[in-house]
């Protein structure tokens, strides 16, 4: 019993905060699409992002307990970023991703 991990349930963000987050990301996606850029990331990036999220304390499948985003969708979007900086916008053309966990690995 002493070694059990305590499960913390975080209070979800307000609807207002989630709406603002969604609109900001939507604007970035539209801007990128209008520039002719790919708005989705490579499957390897999706996998890395989802792996990072699944190990996070805020992870409340299928949502992020910090920003309230639906992670199966958010992890697909190139312009998306983790609200607590565990992974960032994938601005590169290749399939590599910048993360706090593996900086310098590429």
Protein backbone atom coordinates (compact mmCIF):
# COMPACT_ATOMS: atom_id res chain seq x y z
CA UNK A 1 0.00 0.00 0.00
CA UNK A 2 2.90 2.38 0.68
CA UNK A 3 4.19 2.22 -2.92
CA UNK A 4 0.87 3.00 -4.59
CA UNK A 5 0.88 6.05 -6.83
CA UNK A 6 -1.72 8.62 -5.83
CA UNK A 7 -4.06 9.47 -8.68
CA UNK A 8 -4.67 13.20 -8.88
CA UNK A 9 -7.73 14.40 -10.74
CA UNK A 10 -7.22 17.94 -11.95
CA UNK A 11 -10.03 20.42 -12.23
CA UNK A 12 -10.71 20.80 -15.97
CA UNK A 13 -10.22 24.27 -17.45
CA UNK A 14 -13.26 26.45 -17.89
CA UNK A 15 -15.22 26.35 -21.12
CA UNK A 16 -14.02 29.91 -21.79
CA UNK A 17 -10.35 28.90 -21.48
CA UNK A 18 -10.84 25.82 -23.68
CA UNK A 19 -12.63 27.94 -26.30
CA UNK A 20 -9.81 30.49 -26.37
CA UNK A 21 -7.21 27.71 -26.68
CA UNK A 22 -9.20 26.11 -29.51
CA UNK A 23 -9.61 29.39 -31.40
CA UNK A 24 -5.91 30.26 -31.12
CA UNK A 25 -4.90 26.86 -32.46
CA UNK A 26 -7.53 27.08 -35.19
CA UNK A 27 -6.14 30.45 -36.27
CA UNK A 28 -2.60 29.03 -36.46
CA UNK A 29 -3.82 26.06 -38.50
CA UNK A 30 -5.73 28.28 -40.93
CA UNK A 31 -2.70 30.59 -41.30
CA UNK A 32 -0.42 27.64 -42.07
CA UNK A 33 -2.90 26.12 -44.51
CA UNK A 34 -3.27 29.42 -46.37
CA UNK A 35 0.52 29.53 -46.73
CA UNK A 36 0.33 26.11 -48.36
CA UNK A 37 2.03 24.34 -45.49
CA UNK A 38 1.18 20.87 -44.29
CA UNK A 39 -0.96 21.16 -41.15
CA UNK A 40 -0.42 17.59 -39.94
CA UNK A 41 2.68 15.95 -38.51
CA UNK A 42 4.29 12.66 -39.48
CA UNK A 43 3.06 9.47 -37.74
CA UNK A 44 6.33 9.24 -35.77
CA UNK A 45 5.72 12.71 -34.32
CA UNK A 46 2.15 11.78 -33.37
CA UNK A 47 3.44 8.68 -31.62
CA UNK A 48 6.09 10.65 -29.72
CA UNK A 49 3.62 13.32 -28.65
CA UNK A 50 1.05 10.77 -27.48
CA UNK A 51 3.71 8.88 -25.55
CA UNK A 52 4.77 12.07 -23.77
CA UNK A 53 1.15 12.95 -22.98
CA UNK A 54 0.32 9.49 -21.66
CA UNK A 55 3.13 9.79 -19.09
CA UNK A 56 2.11 13.27 -17.93
CA UNK A 57 0.42 13.91 -14.58
CA UNK A 58 -2.27 15.95 -16.34
CA UNK A 59 -3.22 13.12 -18.71
CA UNK A 60 -6.89 12.23 -18.36
CA UNK A 61 -7.59 10.03 -21.35
CA UNK A 62 -8.55 11.22 -23.93
CA UNK A 63 -8.03 14.81 -22.74
CA UNK A 64 -5.31 16.97 -21.27
CA UNK A 65 -6.32 17.95 -17.74
CA UNK A 66 -4.37 21.19 -18.06
CA UNK A 67 -5.74 22.69 -21.30
CA UNK A 68 -8.75 20.42 -21.85
CA UNK A 69 -7.76 19.57 -25.42
CA UNK A 70 -8.79 16.31 -27.06
CA UNK A 71 -5.36 14.69 -27.42
CA UNK A 72 -6.03 12.24 -30.28
CA UNK A 73 -6.68 15.30 -32.45
CA UNK A 74 -4.26 17.81 -30.93
CA UNK A 75 -1.26 15.51 -31.31
CA UNK A 76 -1.89 15.35 -35.08
CA UNK A 77 -1.66 19.10 -35.64
CA UNK A 78 1.71 20.60 -36.57
CA UNK A 79 0.91 24.01 -34.99
CA UNK A 80 -0.16 22.49 -31.66
CA UNK A 81 2.00 22.60 -28.57
CA UNK A 82 1.87 21.29 -25.03
CA UNK A 83 0.65 23.96 -22.58
CA UNK A 84 3.35 22.96 -20.09
CA UNK A 85 6.12 22.73 -22.71
CA UNK A 86 6.63 18.96 -22.80
CA UNK A 87 6.49 19.09 -26.63
CA UNK A 88 6.40 22.00 -29.01
CA UNK A 89 5.24 23.09 -32.44
CA UNK A 90 6.78 20.90 -35.15
CA UNK A 91 8.04 23.55 -37.55
CA UNK A 92 10.46 21.30 -39.41
CA UNK A 93 9.72 19.69 -42.73
CA UNK A 94 11.00 16.28 -41.66
CA UNK A 95 9.42 14.00 -39.09
CA UNK A 96 11.57 14.95 -36.13
CA UNK A 97 10.05 16.70 -33.12
CA UNK A 98 11.48 19.02 -30.54
CA UNK A 99 10.72 17.91 -26.99
CA UNK A 100 12.03 18.89 -23.59
CA UNK A 101 12.72 15.20 -22.92
CA UNK A 102 15.04 14.64 -25.89
CA UNK A 103 16.63 18.00 -26.70
CA UNK A 104 19.90 17.46 -28.48
CA UNK A 105 18.88 13.96 -29.60
CA UNK A 106 18.70 15.06 -33.22
